[in-house]
C-alpha atoms as a PDB file:
ATOM      1  CA  GLN A   1      -8.127   1.796 -18.542  1.00  0.00           C
ATOM      2  CA  VAL A   2      -5.392   1.555 -15.882  1.00  0.00           C
ATOM      3  CA  GLN A   3      -6.981   1.422 -12.438  1.00  0.00           C
ATOM      4  CA  LEU A   4      -5.871   0.970  -8.828  1.00  0.00           C
ATOM      5  CA  VAL A   5      -8.713   0.724  -6.308  1.00  0.00           C
ATOM      6  CA  GLU A   6      -8.010   0.593  -2.566  1.00  0.00           C
ATOM      7  CA  SER A   7     -10.357  -0.830   0.049  1.00  0.00           C
ATOM      8  CA  GLY A   8     -10.318  -2.054   3.649  1.00  0.00           C
ATOM      9  CA  GLY A   9      -9.785   1.197   5.540  1.00  0.00           C
ATOM     10  CA  GLY A  10     -11.805   2.175   8.584  1.00  0.00           C
ATOM     11  CA  LEU A  11     -11.772   2.999  12.282  1.00  0.00           C
ATOM     12  CA  VAL A  12      -9.913   0.712  14.704  1.00  0.00           C
ATOM     13  CA  GLN A  13      -8.727   0.923  18.300  1.00  0.00           C
ATOM     14  CA  PRO A  14      -5.020   1.062  19.194  1.00  0.00           C
ATOM     15  CA  GLY A  15      -3.542  -2.432  19.046  1.00  0.00           C
ATOM     16  CA  GLY A  16      -6.086  -3.574  16.482  1.00  0.00           C
ATOM     17  CA  SER A  17      -5.599  -4.826  12.925  1.00  0.00           C
ATOM     18  CA  LEU A  18      -6.732  -4.013   9.389  1.00  0.00           C
ATOM     19  CA  ARG A  19      -6.004  -5.486   5.963  1.00  0.00           C
ATOM     20  CA  LEU A  20      -5.937  -3.095   3.017  1.00  0.00           C
ATOM     21  CA  SER A  21      -6.450  -4.312  -0.548  1.00  0.00           C
ATOM     22  CA  CYS A  22      -5.451  -2.759  -3.874  1.00  0.00           C
ATOM     23  CA  ALA A  23      -7.152  -4.202  -6.949  1.00  0.00           C
ATOM     24  CA  ALA A  24      -5.178  -3.516 -10.136  1.00  0.00           C
ATOM     25  CA  SER A  25      -6.357  -3.722 -13.740  1.00  0.00           C
ATOM     26  CA  GLY A  26      -5.322  -2.607 -17.226  1.00  0.00           C
ATOM     27  CA  PHE A  27      -1.560  -3.265 -17.015  1.00  0.00           C
ATOM     28  CA  PRO A  28       0.920  -6.163 -16.631  1.00  0.00           C
ATOM     29  CA  PHE A  29       0.751  -6.445 -12.858  1.00  0.00           C
ATOM     30  CA  SER A  30       3.744  -8.746 -12.361  1.00  0.00           C
ATOM     31  CA  SER A  31       6.187  -6.378 -14.132  1.00  0.00           C
ATOM     32  CA  TYR A  32       5.485  -3.383 -11.834  1.00  0.00           C
ATOM     33  CA  ARG A  33       6.927  -2.270  -8.507  1.00  0.00           C
ATOM     34  CA  MET A  34       3.948  -2.116  -6.162  1.00  0.00           C
ATOM     35  CA  SER A  35       3.953   0.117  -3.089  1.00  0.00           C
ATOM     36  CA  TRP A  36       1.795   1.446  -0.281  1.00  0.00           C
ATOM     37  CA  TYR A  37       2.155   5.101   0.735  1.00  0.00           C
ATOM     38  CA  ARG A  38       0.385   7.075   3.439  1.00  0.00           C
ATOM     39  CA  GLN A  39      -0.240  10.735   4.188  1.00  0.00           C
ATOM     40  CA  ALA A  40      -1.334  12.108   7.554  1.00  0.00           C
ATOM     41  CA  PRO A  41      -2.820  15.602   8.007  1.00  0.00           C
ATOM     42  CA  GLY A  42      -0.093  18.257   7.806  1.00  0.00           C
ATOM     43  CA  LYS A  43       2.605  15.750   6.828  1.00  0.00           C
ATOM     44  CA  GLU A  44       4.395  14.675   3.658  1.00  0.00           C
ATOM     45  CA  ARG A  45       3.346  11.521   1.867  1.00  0.00           C
ATOM     46  CA  GLU A  46       5.646   8.694   2.980  1.00  0.00           C
ATOM     47  CA  LEU A  47       6.523   5.278   1.613  1.00  0.00           C
ATOM     48  CA  VAL A  48       5.236   2.470   3.832  1.00  0.00           C
ATOM     49  CA  ALA A  49       6.126  -0.723   1.956  1.00  0.00           C
ATOM     50  CA  THR A  50       7.246  -1.935  -1.480  1.00  0.00           C
ATOM     51  CA  ILE A  51       7.161  -5.306  -3.191  1.00  0.00           C
ATOM     52  CA  ILE A  52       9.099  -6.065  -6.397  1.00  0.00           C
ATOM     53  CA  SER A  53       8.997  -9.052  -8.756  1.00  0.00           C
ATOM     54  CA  THR A  54       6.068 -10.653  -6.960  1.00  0.00           C
ATOM     55  CA  GLY A  55       7.882 -10.918  -3.640  1.00  0.00           C
ATOM     56  CA  VAL A  56      11.551 -11.293  -4.621  1.00  0.00           C
ATOM     57  CA  ILE A  57      12.382  -7.911  -3.035  1.00  0.00           C
ATOM     58  CA  ILE A  58      10.354  -6.451  -0.142  1.00  0.00           C
ATOM     59  CA  THR A  59      11.094  -3.304   1.880  1.00  0.00           C
ATOM     60  CA  TYR A  60       9.369  -1.534   4.788  1.00  0.00           C
ATOM     61  CA  ALA A  61       9.614   1.831   6.472  1.00  0.00           C
ATOM     62  CA  ASP A  62      11.337   1.594   9.857  1.00  0.00           C
ATOM     63  CA  SER A  63       8.185   2.833  11.576  1.00  0.00           C
ATOM     64  CA  VAL A  64       6.151  -0.211  10.457  1.00  0.00           C
ATOM     65  CA  LYS A  65       8.713  -3.040  10.468  1.00  0.00           C
ATOM     66  CA  GLY A  66       7.468  -6.001  12.453  1.00  0.00           C
ATOM     67  CA  ARG A  67       3.872  -4.759  12.357  1.00  0.00           C
ATOM     68  CA  PHE A  68       2.920  -4.472   8.652  1.00  0.00           C
ATOM     69  CA  THR A  69       3.185  -7.076   5.884  1.00  0.00           C
ATOM     70  CA  ILE A  70       2.903  -6.458   2.125  1.00  0.00           C
ATOM     71  CA  SER A  71       1.908  -9.325  -0.168  1.00  0.00           C
ATOM     72  CA  THR A  72       0.340 -10.043  -3.563  1.00  0.00           C
ATOM     73  CA  ASP A  73      -2.124 -12.413  -5.143  1.00  0.00           C
ATOM     74  CA  ASN A  74      -0.861 -12.512  -8.725  1.00  0.00           C
ATOM     75  CA  ALA A  75      -3.766 -14.554 -10.046  1.00  0.00           C
ATOM     76  CA  LYS A  76      -6.209 -11.883  -8.842  1.00  0.00           C
ATOM     77  CA  ASN A  77      -3.959  -8.828  -9.445  1.00  0.00           C
ATOM     78  CA  VAL A  78      -4.345  -7.692  -5.835  1.00  0.00           C
ATOM     79  CA  VAL A  79      -1.801  -6.162  -3.432  1.00  0.00           C
ATOM     80  CA  TYR A  80      -2.433  -6.411   0.306  1.00  0.00           C
ATOM     81  CA  LEU A  81      -1.163  -4.538   3.340  1.00  0.00           C
ATOM     82  CA  GLN A  82      -1.767  -6.407   6.591  1.00  0.00           C
ATOM     83  CA  MET A  83      -1.494  -3.949   9.486  1.00  0.00           C
ATOM     84  CA  ASN A  84      -1.178  -5.264  13.043  1.00  0.00           C
ATOM     85  CA  SER A  85      -0.571  -3.578  16.404  1.00  0.00           C
ATOM     86  CA  LEU A  86      -1.898  -0.313  15.021  1.00  0.00           C
ATOM     87  CA  LYS A  87      -0.958   2.953  16.710  1.00  0.00           C
ATOM     88  CA  PRO A  88      -2.626   6.387  16.618  1.00  0.00           C
ATOM     89  CA  GLU A  89       0.324   7.666  14.556  1.00  0.00           C
ATOM     90  CA  ASP A  90      -0.653   5.199  11.807  1.00  0.00           C
ATOM     91  CA  THR A  91      -3.730   7.330  11.127  1.00  0.00           C
ATOM     92  CA  ALA A  92      -3.541   8.512   7.505  1.00  0.00           C
ATOM     93  CA  VAL A  93      -4.907   8.114   4.013  1.00  0.00           C
ATOM     94  CA  TYR A  94      -3.248   5.061   2.476  1.00  0.00           C
ATOM     95  CA  TYR A  95      -2.501   4.991  -1.259  1.00  0.00           C
ATOM     96  CA  CYS A  96      -1.610   2.185  -3.639  1.00  0.00           C
ATOM     97  CA  ASN A  97       1.115   2.915  -6.223  1.00  0.00           C
ATOM     98  CA  ALA A  98       2.420   1.060  -9.288  1.00  0.00           C
ATOM     99  CA  VAL A  99       5.641   1.977 -11.131  1.00  0.00           C
ATOM    100  CA  HIS A 100       7.302   0.477 -14.203  1.00  0.00           C
ATOM    101  CA  ARG A 101      10.528   1.836 -15.736  1.00  0.00           C
ATOM    102  CA  VAL A 102      11.776   1.099 -19.240  1.00  0.00           C
ATOM    103  CA  PHE A 103      15.052   3.009 -19.757  1.00  0.00           C
ATOM    104  CA  SER A 104      14.051   6.719 -19.889  1.00  0.00           C
ATOM    105  CA  LEU A 105      10.305   6.008 -19.686  1.00  0.00           C
ATOM    106  CA  THR A 106       8.441   5.794 -16.383  1.00  0.00           C
ATOM    107  CA  TYR A 107       4.870   4.605 -15.912  1.00  0.00           C
ATOM    108  CA  ASP A 108       3.425   5.749 -12.569  1.00  0.00           C
ATOM    109  CA  TYR A 109      -0.131   5.035 -11.386  1.00  0.00           C
ATOM    110  CA  TRP A 110      -1.979   5.874  -8.150  1.00  0.00           C
ATOM    111  CA  GLY A 111      -5.187   4.874  -6.456  1.00  0.00           C
ATOM    112  CA  GLN A 112      -7.513   7.387  -4.796  1.00  0.00           C
ATOM    113  CA  GLY A 113      -6.720   6.284  -1.252  1.00  0.00           C
ATOM    114  CA  THR A 114      -8.504   4.763   1.728  1.00  0.00           C
ATOM    115  CA  GLN A 115      -8.763   6.333   5.199  1.00  0.00           C
ATOM    116  CA  VAL A 116      -7.317   4.529   8.215  1.00  0.00           C
ATOM    117  CA  THR A 117      -8.110   5.983  11.642  1.00  0.00           C
ATOM    118  CA  VAL A 118      -6.634   4.531  14.844  1.00  0.00           C
ATOM    119  CA  SER A 119      -8.349   5.928  17.928  1.00  0.00           C
ATOM    120  CA  SER A 120      -9.978   4.850  21.169  1.00  0.00           C
END
């Protein structure tokens, strides 16, 4: 019932751009903390960007500040990650994540990921 589906990944050259999309369904989208994570081969999964309360609070990893932008379309229940000035080190599988906490209860959902490859 609860689904997160990523799309928009692919192969781009260094300096290029991509926009990732995460389509959410089956839960109250606006009440969740939405995030993008990524995991490169041989590395730990890392937090890339987070948006809370439909844009009231936004955070980015230091490695992507000034290059990536997270946003939402609340009417369509979609989270975007606009990625500009891409570097080879951005190559990874990118995952969409949704979290909602109610006191001691935590609801945590993940998409299956989309591959981003930055190479010449």
